[in-house]
Amino acid sequence: MKIATWNIERLQKRRNIEIVDAIQGIDADILILTEASDLIVLSEIYPYNTKTSLLHNNNKDYREDEYRVIIYCKFPIVKTVETYDANTSCCAEIQTTLGNLFVYGTIIGIYGNRRACFLQDLDKQIEDINKISQLGSLCFAGDLNISFADNYCFTKVGREKLNQVFITNNLLNLTKEIPQNIDHIIMSSRFLKELKYTVNTWNHKKQLSDHIGVCMELSSSC
């Protein structure tokens, strides 16, 4: 089973066909797109999805097709779960082949990690993590605006708070060693159990968007 996340940068470069080709090449079972758009049509690949609210309803800077986050999946969505801010994060319980999984797709902060809204988003999403982790296995994924492997893009308080909530809820940051990366996939250790996982990346030269994409592939250890 593959889980992937990618920030496609609001399609500013108008490279829709190449972006879809890259997504098809990854062939993830669960895909969390951030700075996403309905202009990217993936219905033939993913029969199920859930989204954040349309941003243009609250902010004239966004187009009518834009969403902060869209979660696409090949597996059925059992139910959606309320998040603290429907504009910036969404969550769904997904019936995967490895068991049910709560997938929380997000961007933390609207303007990177240097403004007050980042800390507000961070604290409120930490509350969401604490609550949803009690419901079952959690995958917390998306654009966290924090690097963990280097000084590429981070705040000390942001990194410390995230690391602490991951420890508290027995979550493993599977992408923390990727350099110059702020898009992450964090998983409940109880879901991983004896599974093996590998992490892959794409868009390394950042030609299709200003973020690399990350994908985690889970497989049986037997």
N, C-alpha and C. Protein backbone atom coordinates (compact mmCIF):
# COMPACT_ATOMS: atom_id res chain seq x y z
N MET A 1 0.85 -1.19 0.00
CA MET A 1 0.00 0.00 0.00
C MET A 1 0.88 1.24 0.00
N LYS A 2 0.52 2.22 -0.82
CA LYS A 2 1.28 3.45 -0.92
C LYS A 2 0.47 4.65 -0.43
N ILE A 3 1.13 5.52 0.33
CA ILE A 3 0.56 6.79 0.77
C ILE A 3 1.51 7.89 0.32
N ALA A 4 0.99 8.91 -0.35
CA ALA A 4 1.84 9.98 -0.87
C ALA A 4 1.23 11.34 -0.56
N THR A 5 2.10 12.35 -0.47
CA THR A 5 1.64 13.72 -0.32
C THR A 5 2.51 14.63 -1.17
N TRP A 6 1.86 15.70 -1.69
CA TRP A 6 2.56 16.63 -2.58
C TRP A 6 1.84 17.97 -2.58
N ASN A 7 2.60 19.04 -2.48
CA ASN A 7 2.07 20.39 -2.63
C ASN A 7 2.28 20.80 -4.08
N ILE A 8 1.18 21.05 -4.80
CA ILE A 8 1.30 21.33 -6.24
C ILE A 8 1.27 22.84 -6.55
N GLU A 9 1.45 23.66 -5.53
CA GLU A 9 1.75 25.09 -5.69
C GLU A 9 0.68 25.85 -6.48
N ARG A 10 -0.58 25.51 -6.26
CA ARG A 10 -1.68 26.27 -6.84
C ARG A 10 -1.63 26.32 -8.37
N LEU A 11 -0.93 25.42 -8.98
CA LEU A 11 -0.86 25.30 -10.44
C LEU A 11 -0.38 26.59 -11.11
N GLN A 12 0.49 27.31 -10.45
CA GLN A 12 0.95 28.58 -10.99
C GLN A 12 1.72 28.41 -12.30
N LYS A 13 2.30 27.25 -12.49
CA LYS A 13 3.12 27.04 -13.69
C LYS A 13 2.33 26.38 -14.82
N ARG A 14 1.05 26.13 -14.59
CA ARG A 14 0.17 25.62 -15.64
C ARG A 14 0.68 24.33 -16.28
N ARG A 15 1.20 23.46 -15.47
CA ARG A 15 1.76 22.21 -16.00
C ARG A 15 0.90 21.04 -15.55
N ASN A 16 -0.41 21.18 -15.80
CA ASN A 16 -1.37 20.21 -15.30
C ASN A 16 -1.11 18.80 -15.82
N ILE A 17 -0.85 18.67 -17.12
CA ILE A 17 -0.67 17.34 -17.70
C ILE A 17 0.55 16.65 -17.09
N GLU A 18 1.64 17.39 -16.92
CA GLU A 18 2.85 16.81 -16.33
C GLU A 18 2.62 16.43 -14.87
N ILE A 19 1.85 17.24 -14.16
CA ILE A 19 1.55 16.93 -12.76
C ILE A 19 0.73 15.65 -12.67
N VAL A 20 -0.29 15.53 -13.51
CA VAL A 20 -1.10 14.30 -13.51
C VAL A 20 -0.24 13.11 -13.90
N ASP A 21 0.64 13.27 -14.87
CA ASP A 21 1.53 12.17 -15.26
C ASP A 21 2.40 11.73 -14.09
N ALA A 22 2.91 12.70 -13.32
CA ALA A 22 3.73 12.37 -12.15
C ALA A 22 2.92 11.62 -11.11
N ILE A 23 1.70 12.07 -10.89
CA ILE A 23 0.81 11.41 -9.92
C ILE A 23 0.51 9.98 -10.36
N GLN A 24 0.23 9.80 -11.64
CA GLN A 24 -0.05 8.46 -12.14
C GLN A 24 1.18 7.55 -12.00
N GLY A 25 2.36 8.13 -12.18
CA GLY A 25 3.58 7.35 -12.03
C GLY A 25 3.81 6.88 -10.62
N ILE A 26 3.43 7.68 -9.65
CA ILE A 26 3.57 7.29 -8.24
C ILE A 26 2.57 6.19 -7.89
N ASP A 27 1.35 6.29 -8.43
CA ASP A 27 0.32 5.26 -8.24
C ASP A 27 0.06 4.98 -6.76
N ALA A 28 -0.13 6.04 -5.97
CA ALA A 28 -0.42 5.88 -4.54
C ALA A 28 -1.85 5.40 -4.35
N ASP A 29 -2.07 4.64 -3.29
CA ASP A 29 -3.43 4.22 -2.93
C ASP A 29 -4.17 5.33 -2.19
N ILE A 30 -3.41 6.13 -1.43
CA ILE A 30 -3.95 7.30 -0.74
C ILE A 30 -3.04 8.47 -1.09
N LEU A 31 -3.62 9.55 -1.59
CA LEU A 31 -2.86 10.71 -2.02
C LEU A 31 -3.40 11.95 -1.34
N ILE A 32 -2.51 12.68 -0.67
CA ILE A 32 -2.88 13.95 -0.03
C ILE A 32 -2.25 15.07 -0.85
N LEU A 33 -3.05 15.78 -1.62
CA LEU A 33 -2.57 16.93 -2.38
C LEU A 33 -2.83 18.20 -1.59
N THR A 34 -1.83 19.07 -1.51
CA THR A 34 -2.00 20.36 -0.85
C THR A 34 -1.80 21.48 -1.87
N GLU A 35 -2.35 22.68 -1.54
CA GLU A 35 -2.49 23.76 -2.51
C GLU A 35 -3.06 23.19 -3.80
N ALA A 36 -4.19 22.49 -3.64
CA ALA A 36 -4.75 21.65 -4.69
C ALA A 36 -5.83 22.38 -5.49
N SER A 37 -6.31 21.71 -6.54
CA SER A 37 -7.25 22.35 -7.44
C SER A 37 -8.10 21.31 -8.15
N ASP A 38 -9.36 21.67 -8.43
CA ASP A 38 -10.22 20.82 -9.23
C ASP A 38 -9.78 20.75 -10.68
N LEU A 39 -8.86 21.61 -11.07
CA LEU A 39 -8.34 21.54 -12.43
C LEU A 39 -7.52 20.28 -12.67
N ILE A 40 -7.03 19.69 -11.58
CA ILE A 40 -6.38 18.39 -11.66
C ILE A 40 -7.47 17.33 -11.51
N VAL A 41 -7.77 16.63 -12.58
CA VAL A 41 -8.86 15.66 -12.59
C VAL A 41 -8.28 14.26 -12.37
N LEU A 42 -8.69 13.64 -11.25
CA LEU A 42 -8.13 12.34 -10.88
C LEU A 42 -9.22 11.30 -10.61
N SER A 43 -10.44 11.57 -11.07
CA SER A 43 -11.57 10.69 -10.75
C SER A 43 -11.41 9.29 -11.34
N GLU A 44 -10.69 9.16 -12.45
CA GLU A 44 -10.50 7.83 -13.03
C GLU A 44 -9.53 7.00 -12.22
N ILE A 45 -8.67 7.66 -11.46
CA ILE A 45 -7.69 6.96 -10.63
C ILE A 45 -8.25 6.73 -9.23
N TYR A 46 -8.92 7.76 -8.71
CA TYR A 46 -9.37 7.73 -7.31
C TYR A 46 -10.89 7.91 -7.25
N PRO A 47 -11.62 6.84 -6.93
CA PRO A 47 -13.08 6.96 -6.86
C PRO A 47 -13.58 7.68 -5.62
N TYR A 48 -12.71 7.86 -4.61
CA TYR A 48 -13.13 8.47 -3.36
C TYR A 48 -12.24 9.67 -3.04
N ASN A 49 -12.86 10.71 -2.46
CA ASN A 49 -12.07 11.85 -2.01
C ASN A 49 -12.84 12.66 -0.98
N THR A 50 -12.11 13.45 -0.23
CA THR A 50 -12.70 14.46 0.65
C THR A 50 -11.80 15.68 0.60
N LYS A 51 -12.40 16.87 0.85
CA LYS A 51 -11.67 18.12 0.62
C LYS A 51 -11.90 19.09 1.77
N THR A 52 -11.00 20.06 1.85
CA THR A 52 -11.26 21.21 2.71
C THR A 52 -12.29 22.10 2.01
N SER A 53 -12.73 23.13 2.71
CA SER A 53 -13.71 24.05 2.13
C SER A 53 -13.09 24.85 0.99
N LEU A 54 -13.94 25.31 0.07
CA LEU A 54 -13.46 26.18 -1.00
C LEU A 54 -12.95 27.48 -0.41
N LEU A 55 -11.74 27.84 -0.76
CA LEU A 55 -11.10 29.00 -0.13
C LEU A 55 -11.67 30.33 -0.59
N HIS A 56 -12.16 30.39 -1.81
CA HIS A 56 -12.59 31.69 -2.32
C HIS A 56 -13.80 32.22 -1.55
N ASN A 57 -14.48 31.36 -0.82
CA ASN A 57 -15.61 31.82 -0.01
C ASN A 57 -15.16 32.77 1.09
N ASN A 58 -13.91 32.63 1.53
CA ASN A 58 -13.40 33.42 2.64
C ASN A 58 -12.24 34.33 2.26
N ASN A 59 -11.67 34.13 1.09
CA ASN A 59 -10.47 34.90 0.73
C ASN A 59 -10.47 35.11 -0.78
N LYS A 60 -10.59 36.35 -1.20
CA LYS A 60 -10.70 36.67 -2.62
C LYS A 60 -9.41 36.38 -3.39
N ASP A 61 -8.30 36.11 -2.69
CA ASP A 61 -7.04 35.83 -3.36
C ASP A 61 -7.03 34.44 -4.00
N TYR A 62 -8.01 33.59 -3.65
CA TYR A 62 -8.04 32.23 -4.17
C TYR A 62 -9.09 32.09 -5.27
N ARG A 63 -8.79 31.23 -6.25
CA ARG A 63 -9.74 30.97 -7.33
C ARG A 63 -10.83 30.02 -6.88
N GLU A 64 -11.89 29.92 -7.67
CA GLU A 64 -13.03 29.09 -7.32
C GLU A 64 -12.71 27.60 -7.35
N ASP A 65 -11.62 27.23 -8.02
CA ASP A 65 -11.27 25.81 -8.14
C ASP A 65 -10.33 25.34 -7.04
N GLU A 66 -9.89 26.21 -6.14
CA GLU A 66 -8.79 25.89 -5.24
C GLU A 66 -9.23 25.39 -3.86
N TYR A 67 -8.45 24.43 -3.37
CA TYR A 67 -8.62 23.88 -2.02
C TYR A 67 -7.25 23.82 -1.36
N ARG A 68 -7.24 23.98 -0.05
CA ARG A 68 -5.97 23.81 0.66
C ARG A 68 -5.51 22.36 0.62
N VAL A 69 -6.48 21.44 0.78
CA VAL A 69 -6.13 20.01 0.85
C VAL A 69 -7.23 19.18 0.18
N ILE A 70 -6.82 18.19 -0.59
CA ILE A 70 -7.74 17.15 -1.08
C ILE A 70 -7.10 15.80 -0.77
N ILE A 71 -7.86 14.92 -0.12
CA ILE A 71 -7.43 13.54 0.12
C ILE A 71 -8.12 12.66 -0.91
N TYR A 72 -7.33 12.00 -1.75
CA TYR A 72 -7.84 11.05 -2.75
C TYR A 72 -7.50 9.64 -2.28
N CYS A 73 -8.39 8.69 -2.57
CA CYS A 73 -8.05 7.30 -2.21
C CYS A 73 -8.76 6.30 -3.12
N LYS A 74 -8.13 5.16 -3.23
CA LYS A 74 -8.71 4.05 -3.98
C LYS A 74 -9.60 3.20 -3.08
N PHE A 75 -9.49 3.40 -1.77
CA PHE A 75 -10.27 2.65 -0.80
C PHE A 75 -11.51 3.45 -0.38
N PRO A 76 -12.55 2.76 0.09
CA PRO A 76 -13.76 3.47 0.53
C PRO A 76 -13.50 4.35 1.75
N ILE A 77 -14.17 5.49 1.77
CA ILE A 77 -14.16 6.36 2.95
C ILE A 77 -15.33 5.96 3.83
N VAL A 78 -15.04 5.55 5.06
CA VAL A 78 -16.06 5.13 6.01
C VAL A 78 -16.83 6.34 6.50
N LYS A 79 -16.09 7.39 6.87
CA LYS A 79 -16.72 8.62 7.35
C LYS A 79 -15.68 9.73 7.34
N THR A 80 -16.15 10.97 7.36
CA THR A 80 -15.26 12.10 7.53
C THR A 80 -15.29 12.55 8.98
N VAL A 81 -14.22 13.18 9.41
CA VAL A 81 -14.07 13.61 10.79
C VAL A 81 -13.84 15.11 10.82
N GLU A 82 -14.53 15.81 11.68
CA GLU A 82 -14.40 17.26 11.77
C GLU A 82 -13.01 17.65 12.26
N THR A 83 -12.43 18.67 11.63
CA THR A 83 -11.17 19.23 12.08
C THR A 83 -11.42 20.64 12.61
N TYR A 84 -10.42 21.21 13.25
CA TYR A 84 -10.63 22.51 13.89
C TYR A 84 -10.92 23.60 12.86
N ASP A 85 -10.38 23.49 11.65
CA ASP A 85 -10.60 24.49 10.61
C ASP A 85 -10.80 23.77 9.28
N ALA A 86 -12.03 23.78 8.80
CA ALA A 86 -12.37 23.06 7.56
C ALA A 86 -11.74 23.69 6.34
N ASN A 87 -11.16 24.88 6.48
CA ASN A 87 -10.50 25.53 5.34
C ASN A 87 -9.08 25.02 5.11
N THR A 88 -8.45 24.51 6.17
CA THR A 88 -7.02 24.20 6.06
C THR A 88 -6.65 22.75 6.34
N SER A 89 -7.59 21.94 6.84
CA SER A 89 -7.31 20.52 7.05
C SER A 89 -8.60 19.72 6.94
N CYS A 90 -8.46 18.46 6.56
CA CYS A 90 -9.61 17.56 6.49
C CYS A 90 -9.17 16.18 6.93
N CYS A 91 -10.13 15.36 7.33
CA CYS A 91 -9.79 14.04 7.87
C CYS A 91 -10.87 13.04 7.47
N ALA A 92 -10.43 11.84 7.12
CA ALA A 92 -11.36 10.78 6.76
C ALA A 92 -10.89 9.46 7.33
N GLU A 93 -11.83 8.64 7.77
CA GLU A 93 -11.52 7.26 8.13
C GLU A 93 -11.63 6.43 6.85
N ILE A 94 -10.55 5.77 6.49
CA ILE A 94 -10.46 5.05 5.22
C ILE A 94 -10.31 3.55 5.49
N GLN A 95 -11.05 2.76 4.75
CA GLN A 95 -11.02 1.30 4.91
C GLN A 95 -9.97 0.73 3.98
N THR A 96 -8.74 0.62 4.48
CA THR A 96 -7.64 0.14 3.65
C THR A 96 -7.53 -1.39 3.73
N THR A 97 -6.69 -1.94 2.88
CA THR A 97 -6.47 -3.39 2.90
C THR A 97 -5.70 -3.84 4.13
N LEU A 98 -5.11 -2.90 4.85
CA LEU A 98 -4.35 -3.21 6.06
C LEU A 98 -5.10 -2.83 7.34
N GLY A 99 -6.36 -2.43 7.18
CA GLY A 99 -7.16 -2.02 8.32
C GLY A 99 -7.57 -0.56 8.19
N ASN A 100 -8.54 -0.15 9.01
CA ASN A 100 -9.02 1.22 8.94
C ASN A 100 -7.95 2.20 9.42
N LEU A 101 -7.92 3.35 8.75
CA LEU A 101 -6.90 4.35 9.02
C LEU A 101 -7.53 5.74 8.93
N PHE A 102 -7.33 6.55 9.97
CA PHE A 102 -7.75 7.95 9.92
C PHE A 102 -6.65 8.75 9.23
N VAL A 103 -6.98 9.36 8.11
CA VAL A 103 -6.02 10.15 7.35
C VAL A 103 -6.36 11.63 7.52
N TYR A 104 -5.41 12.36 8.07
CA TYR A 104 -5.57 13.80 8.34
C TYR A 104 -4.65 14.54 7.39
N GLY A 105 -5.23 15.23 6.41
CA GLY A 105 -4.45 15.98 5.44
C GLY A 105 -4.44 17.46 5.79
N THR A 106 -3.28 18.10 5.68
CA THR A 106 -3.19 19.46 6.20
C THR A 106 -2.11 20.30 5.55
N ILE A 107 -2.27 21.60 5.71
CA ILE A 107 -1.18 22.56 5.62
C ILE A 107 -1.19 23.31 6.95
N ILE A 108 -0.04 23.42 7.59
CA ILE A 108 0.05 24.20 8.83
C ILE A 108 0.50 25.61 8.48
N GLY A 109 -0.36 26.58 8.70
CA GLY A 109 -0.02 27.97 8.40
C GLY A 109 -0.25 28.31 6.95
N ILE A 110 -0.71 29.52 6.68
CA ILE A 110 -1.01 29.95 5.32
C ILE A 110 0.20 30.61 4.67
N TYR A 111 1.00 31.30 5.44
CA TYR A 111 2.14 32.03 4.90
C TYR A 111 3.45 31.51 5.48
N GLY A 112 3.65 30.19 5.42
CA GLY A 112 4.87 29.63 5.98
C GLY A 112 4.80 29.56 7.50
N ASN A 113 5.98 29.55 8.15
CA ASN A 113 6.01 29.33 9.60
C ASN A 113 6.42 30.56 10.39
N ARG A 114 6.40 31.73 9.78
CA ARG A 114 6.89 32.93 10.46
C ARG A 114 5.79 33.90 10.87
N ARG A 115 4.54 33.51 10.74
CA ARG A 115 3.45 34.41 11.11
C ARG A 115 2.61 33.79 12.21
N ALA A 116 1.82 34.65 12.86
CA ALA A 116 1.04 34.19 14.02
C ALA A 116 0.07 33.08 13.66
N CYS A 117 -0.46 33.09 12.43
CA CYS A 117 -1.43 32.06 12.04
C CYS A 117 -0.81 30.67 12.05
N PHE A 118 0.51 30.59 11.85
CA PHE A 118 1.17 29.28 11.89
C PHE A 118 1.06 28.68 13.28
N LEU A 119 1.38 29.45 14.31
CA LEU A 119 1.32 28.93 15.68
C LEU A 119 -0.11 28.59 16.08
N GLN A 120 -1.08 29.38 15.62
CA GLN A 120 -2.47 29.05 15.92
C GLN A 120 -2.86 27.75 15.26
N ASP A 121 -2.54 27.61 13.97
CA ASP A 121 -2.82 26.36 13.26
C ASP A 121 -2.13 25.19 13.95
N LEU A 122 -0.87 25.38 14.31
CA LEU A 122 -0.09 24.32 14.93
C LEU A 122 -0.74 23.85 16.23
N ASP A 123 -1.08 24.77 17.10
CA ASP A 123 -1.65 24.39 18.40
C ASP A 123 -3.01 23.71 18.24
N LYS A 124 -3.83 24.22 17.34
CA LYS A 124 -5.15 23.64 17.14
C LYS A 124 -5.07 22.27 16.47
N GLN A 125 -4.13 22.11 15.54
CA GLN A 125 -3.98 20.81 14.91
C GLN A 125 -3.37 19.78 15.86
N ILE A 126 -2.56 20.24 16.78
CA ILE A 126 -2.08 19.34 17.83
C ILE A 126 -3.25 18.82 18.66
N GLU A 127 -4.21 19.70 18.95
CA GLU A 127 -5.42 19.25 19.65
C GLU A 127 -6.16 18.20 18.81
N ASP A 128 -6.25 18.42 17.50
CA ASP A 128 -6.89 17.44 16.62
C ASP A 128 -6.15 16.10 16.66
N ILE A 129 -4.81 16.15 16.60
CA ILE A 129 -4.03 14.91 16.65
C ILE A 129 -4.31 14.15 17.94
N ASN A 130 -4.33 14.86 19.05
CA ASN A 130 -4.58 14.22 20.34
C ASN A 130 -5.95 13.55 20.38
N LYS A 131 -6.95 14.20 19.78
CA LYS A 131 -8.31 13.64 19.79
C LYS A 131 -8.45 12.47 18.82
N ILE A 132 -7.99 12.66 17.60
CA ILE A 132 -8.22 11.64 16.57
C ILE A 132 -7.37 10.40 16.83
N SER A 133 -6.20 10.56 17.45
CA SER A 133 -5.37 9.40 17.78
C SER A 133 -6.08 8.46 18.74
N GLN A 134 -7.04 8.98 19.49
CA GLN A 134 -7.79 8.13 20.41
C GLN A 134 -8.85 7.29 19.69
N LEU A 135 -9.16 7.66 18.46
CA LEU A 135 -10.21 6.96 17.71
C LEU A 135 -9.68 5.72 17.00
N GLY A 136 -8.38 5.71 16.69
CA GLY A 136 -7.79 4.60 15.95
C GLY A 136 -6.46 5.01 15.36
N SER A 137 -5.96 4.21 14.44
CA SER A 137 -4.67 4.49 13.81
C SER A 137 -4.77 5.75 12.96
N LEU A 138 -3.72 6.58 13.02
CA LEU A 138 -3.73 7.88 12.36
C LEU A 138 -2.57 8.01 11.38
N CYS A 139 -2.85 8.61 10.23
CA CYS A 139 -1.83 9.10 9.31
C CYS A 139 -2.01 10.61 9.23
N PHE A 140 -1.01 11.35 9.69
CA PHE A 140 -1.01 12.81 9.67
C PHE A 140 -0.06 13.23 8.57
N ALA A 141 -0.57 13.88 7.52
CA ALA A 141 0.28 14.10 6.35
C ALA A 141 -0.05 15.41 5.66
N GLY A 142 0.96 15.96 4.99
CA GLY A 142 0.77 17.17 4.22
C GLY A 142 1.95 18.12 4.35
N ASP A 143 1.67 19.38 4.11
CA ASP A 143 2.69 20.44 4.15
C ASP A 143 2.74 21.01 5.56
N LEU A 144 3.74 20.60 6.34
CA LEU A 144 3.84 21.03 7.73
C LEU A 144 4.64 22.31 7.89
N ASN A 145 5.22 22.80 6.79
CA ASN A 145 6.06 24.00 6.83
C ASN A 145 7.20 23.88 7.85
N ILE A 146 7.64 22.66 8.08
CA ILE A 146 8.74 22.38 9.01
C ILE A 146 9.63 21.28 8.41
N SER A 147 10.92 21.53 8.34
CA SER A 147 11.86 20.47 8.01
C SER A 147 12.37 19.86 9.31
N PHE A 148 12.72 18.58 9.26
CA PHE A 148 13.21 17.89 10.46
C PHE A 148 14.65 17.42 10.31
N ALA A 149 15.15 17.35 9.07
CA ALA A 149 16.49 16.80 8.83
C ALA A 149 17.58 17.87 8.82
N ASP A 150 17.18 19.13 8.64
CA ASP A 150 18.17 20.19 8.46
C ASP A 150 17.54 21.54 8.81
N ASN A 151 18.24 22.60 8.46
CA ASN A 151 17.75 23.95 8.75
C ASN A 151 17.06 24.59 7.55
N TYR A 152 16.59 23.79 6.65
CA TYR A 152 15.99 24.26 5.41
C TYR A 152 14.81 25.22 5.67
N CYS A 153 13.89 24.83 6.54
CA CYS A 153 12.72 25.65 6.82
C CYS A 153 12.08 25.16 8.12
N PHE A 154 12.31 25.88 9.20
CA PHE A 154 11.72 25.43 10.46
C PHE A 154 11.77 26.54 11.49
N THR A 155 10.95 26.39 12.51
CA THR A 155 11.09 27.17 13.73
C THR A 155 11.34 26.18 14.86
N LYS A 156 12.12 26.58 15.82
CA LYS A 156 12.45 25.68 16.93
C LYS A 156 11.20 25.26 17.68
N VAL A 157 10.32 26.23 17.97
CA VAL A 157 9.11 25.90 18.74
C VAL A 157 8.20 24.98 17.93
N GLY A 158 8.10 25.22 16.61
CA GLY A 158 7.25 24.37 15.79
C GLY A 158 7.75 22.94 15.73
N ARG A 159 9.05 22.79 15.52
CA ARG A 159 9.63 21.44 15.47
C ARG A 159 9.49 20.72 16.80
N GLU A 160 9.74 21.42 17.90
CA GLU A 160 9.67 20.80 19.22
C GLU A 160 8.24 20.37 19.55
N LYS A 161 7.27 21.22 19.23
CA LYS A 161 5.87 20.87 19.52
C LYS A 161 5.41 19.67 18.71
N LEU A 162 5.78 19.62 17.44
CA LEU A 162 5.39 18.48 16.62
C LEU A 162 6.07 17.20 17.09
N ASN A 163 7.36 17.27 17.35
CA ASN A 163 8.05 16.08 17.84
C ASN A 163 7.43 15.56 19.13
N GLN A 164 7.03 16.46 20.01
CA GLN A 164 6.45 16.04 21.29
C GLN A 164 5.09 15.38 21.10
N VAL A 165 4.24 15.96 20.25
CA VAL A 165 2.91 15.35 20.06
C VAL A 165 3.03 14.01 19.35
N PHE A 166 4.03 13.85 18.49
CA PHE A 166 4.25 12.54 17.86
C PHE A 166 4.65 11.51 18.90
N ILE A 167 5.52 11.87 19.81
CA ILE A 167 5.94 10.95 20.88
C ILE A 167 4.75 10.60 21.77
N THR A 168 3.99 11.61 22.17
CA THR A 168 2.86 11.41 23.08
C THR A 168 1.84 10.43 22.51
N ASN A 169 1.63 10.49 21.19
CA ASN A 169 0.60 9.67 20.56
C ASN A 169 1.16 8.46 19.81
N ASN A 170 2.41 8.13 20.07
CA ASN A 170 3.04 6.96 19.44
C ASN A 170 2.95 7.02 17.92
N LEU A 171 3.32 8.18 17.39
CA LEU A 171 3.35 8.40 15.95
C LEU A 171 4.80 8.44 15.48
N LEU A 172 5.05 7.89 14.30
CA LEU A 172 6.40 7.87 13.74
C LEU A 172 6.45 8.78 12.52
N ASN A 173 7.38 9.71 12.52
CA ASN A 173 7.59 10.58 11.36
C ASN A 173 8.49 9.84 10.38
N LEU A 174 7.90 9.28 9.35
CA LEU A 174 8.63 8.41 8.43
C LEU A 174 9.43 9.19 7.39
N THR A 175 9.24 10.50 7.33
CA THR A 175 9.91 11.30 6.31
C THR A 175 10.86 12.33 6.93
N LYS A 176 11.16 12.20 8.19
CA LYS A 176 11.95 13.21 8.89
C LYS A 176 13.38 13.30 8.40
N GLU A 177 13.91 12.26 7.76
CA GLU A 177 15.31 12.26 7.33
C GLU A 177 15.51 12.83 5.93
N ILE A 178 14.43 13.23 5.26
CA ILE A 178 14.57 13.75 3.90
C ILE A 178 15.05 15.20 3.96
N PRO A 179 16.19 15.52 3.34
CA PRO A 179 16.69 16.90 3.41
C PRO A 179 15.87 17.85 2.56
N GLN A 180 15.88 19.12 2.98
CA GLN A 180 15.19 20.19 2.26
C GLN A 180 13.74 19.82 1.93
N ASN A 181 13.06 19.34 2.95
CA ASN A 181 11.69 18.85 2.76
C ASN A 181 10.80 19.28 3.91
N ILE A 182 9.61 19.79 3.58
CA ILE A 182 8.66 20.20 4.61
C ILE A 182 7.33 19.46 4.50
N ASP A 183 7.25 18.50 3.59
CA ASP A 183 6.04 17.69 3.40
C ASP A 183 6.28 16.32 4.02
N HIS A 184 5.38 15.90 4.90
CA HIS A 184 5.68 14.73 5.72
C HIS A 184 4.51 13.76 5.82
N ILE A 185 4.87 12.51 6.14
CA ILE A 185 3.90 11.45 6.41
C ILE A 185 4.24 10.87 7.77
N ILE A 186 3.30 10.99 8.70
CA ILE A 186 3.49 10.53 10.07
C ILE A 186 2.43 9.47 10.35
N MET A 187 2.84 8.32 10.89
CA MET A 187 1.93 7.19 11.05
C MET A 187 1.92 6.66 12.47
N SER A 188 0.76 6.14 12.88
CA SER A 188 0.66 5.44 14.16
C SER A 188 1.52 4.19 14.13
N SER A 189 2.30 4.00 15.18
CA SER A 189 3.16 2.81 15.25
C SER A 189 2.33 1.54 15.30
N ARG A 190 1.13 1.61 15.87
CA ARG A 190 0.29 0.40 15.97
C ARG A 190 -0.21 -0.04 14.60
N PHE A 191 -0.33 0.90 13.66
CA PHE A 191 -0.74 0.52 12.31
C PHE A 191 0.41 -0.14 11.56
N LEU A 192 1.61 0.35 11.79
CA LEU A 192 2.78 -0.19 11.09
C LEU A 192 3.09 -1.61 11.54
N LYS A 193 2.96 -1.85 12.85
CA LYS A 193 3.19 -3.18 13.42
C LYS A 193 4.48 -3.79 12.86
N GLU A 194 4.34 -4.92 12.17
CA GLU A 194 5.51 -5.62 11.62
C GLU A 194 5.75 -5.28 10.15
N LEU A 195 5.06 -4.26 9.65
CA LEU A 195 5.20 -3.92 8.24
C LEU A 195 6.55 -3.28 7.95
N LYS A 196 7.04 -3.51 6.77
CA LYS A 196 8.22 -2.80 6.28
C LYS A 196 7.75 -1.58 5.51
N TYR A 197 8.58 -0.54 5.50
CA TYR A 197 8.21 0.63 4.70
C TYR A 197 9.44 1.21 4.03
N THR A 198 9.20 1.77 2.87
CA THR A 198 10.23 2.50 2.15
C THR A 198 9.66 3.86 1.76
N VAL A 199 10.53 4.85 1.70
CA VAL A 199 10.10 6.21 1.37
C VAL A 199 10.80 6.64 0.09
N ASN A 200 10.02 7.17 -0.84
CA ASN A 200 10.55 7.66 -2.11
C ASN A 200 10.13 9.11 -2.32
N THR A 201 10.87 9.82 -3.17
CA THR A 201 10.57 11.22 -3.46
C THR A 201 10.60 11.45 -4.97
N TRP A 202 9.99 12.54 -5.39
CA TRP A 202 10.03 12.94 -6.80
C TRP A 202 9.98 14.47 -6.90
N ASN A 203 10.07 14.98 -8.10
CA ASN A 203 10.13 16.42 -8.35
C ASN A 203 11.33 17.04 -7.62
N HIS A 204 12.46 16.36 -7.68
CA HIS A 204 13.64 16.78 -6.92
C HIS A 204 14.15 18.16 -7.33
N LYS A 205 14.04 18.49 -8.61
CA LYS A 205 14.51 19.80 -9.07
C LYS A 205 13.43 20.88 -8.94
N LYS A 206 12.26 20.48 -8.41
CA LYS A 206 11.15 21.41 -8.12
C LYS A 206 10.73 22.17 -9.37
N GLN A 207 10.60 21.44 -10.46
CA GLN A 207 10.18 22.05 -11.72
C GLN A 207 8.66 22.09 -11.87
N LEU A 208 7.96 21.12 -11.27
CA LEU A 208 6.51 21.08 -11.39
C LEU A 208 5.82 21.86 -10.28
N SER A 209 6.47 21.99 -9.16
CA SER A 209 6.00 22.84 -8.06
C SER A 209 7.22 23.16 -7.21
N ASP A 210 7.02 23.98 -6.18
CA ASP A 210 8.17 24.35 -5.34
C ASP A 210 8.37 23.38 -4.18
N HIS A 211 7.72 22.22 -4.22
CA HIS A 211 7.87 21.19 -3.19
C HIS A 211 8.23 19.87 -3.86
N ILE A 212 9.09 19.09 -3.22
CA ILE A 212 9.24 17.71 -3.65
C ILE A 212 8.04 16.92 -3.14
N GLY A 213 7.74 15.82 -3.81
CA GLY A 213 6.68 14.93 -3.35
C GLY A 213 7.28 13.77 -2.58
N VAL A 214 6.54 13.24 -1.63
CA VAL A 214 7.03 12.11 -0.84
C VAL A 214 5.99 10.99 -0.85
N CYS A 215 6.48 9.77 -0.90
CA CYS A 215 5.61 8.60 -0.94
C CYS A 215 6.16 7.52 -0.02
N MET A 216 5.29 6.92 0.77
CA MET A 216 5.66 5.81 1.64
C MET A 216 4.96 4.55 1.14
N GLU A 217 5.74 3.49 0.96
CA GLU A 217 5.17 2.22 0.53
C GLU A 217 5.29 1.20 1.66
N LEU A 218 4.15 0.63 2.05
CA LEU A 218 4.09 -0.37 3.11
C LEU A 218 3.98 -1.76 2.51
N SER A 219 4.70 -2.71 3.10
CA SER A 219 4.62 -4.09 2.62
C SER A 219 4.83 -5.04 3.79
N SER A 220 4.38 -6.25 3.63
CA SER A 220 4.52 -7.26 4.67
C SER A 220 5.98 -7.62 4.85
N SER A 221 6.36 -7.89 6.08
CA SER A 221 7.74 -8.28 6.37
C SER A 221 7.96 -9.75 6.12
N CYS A 222 6.88 -10.49 5.83
CA CYS A 222 7.01 -11.93 5.60
C CYS A 222 7.51 -12.22 4.20
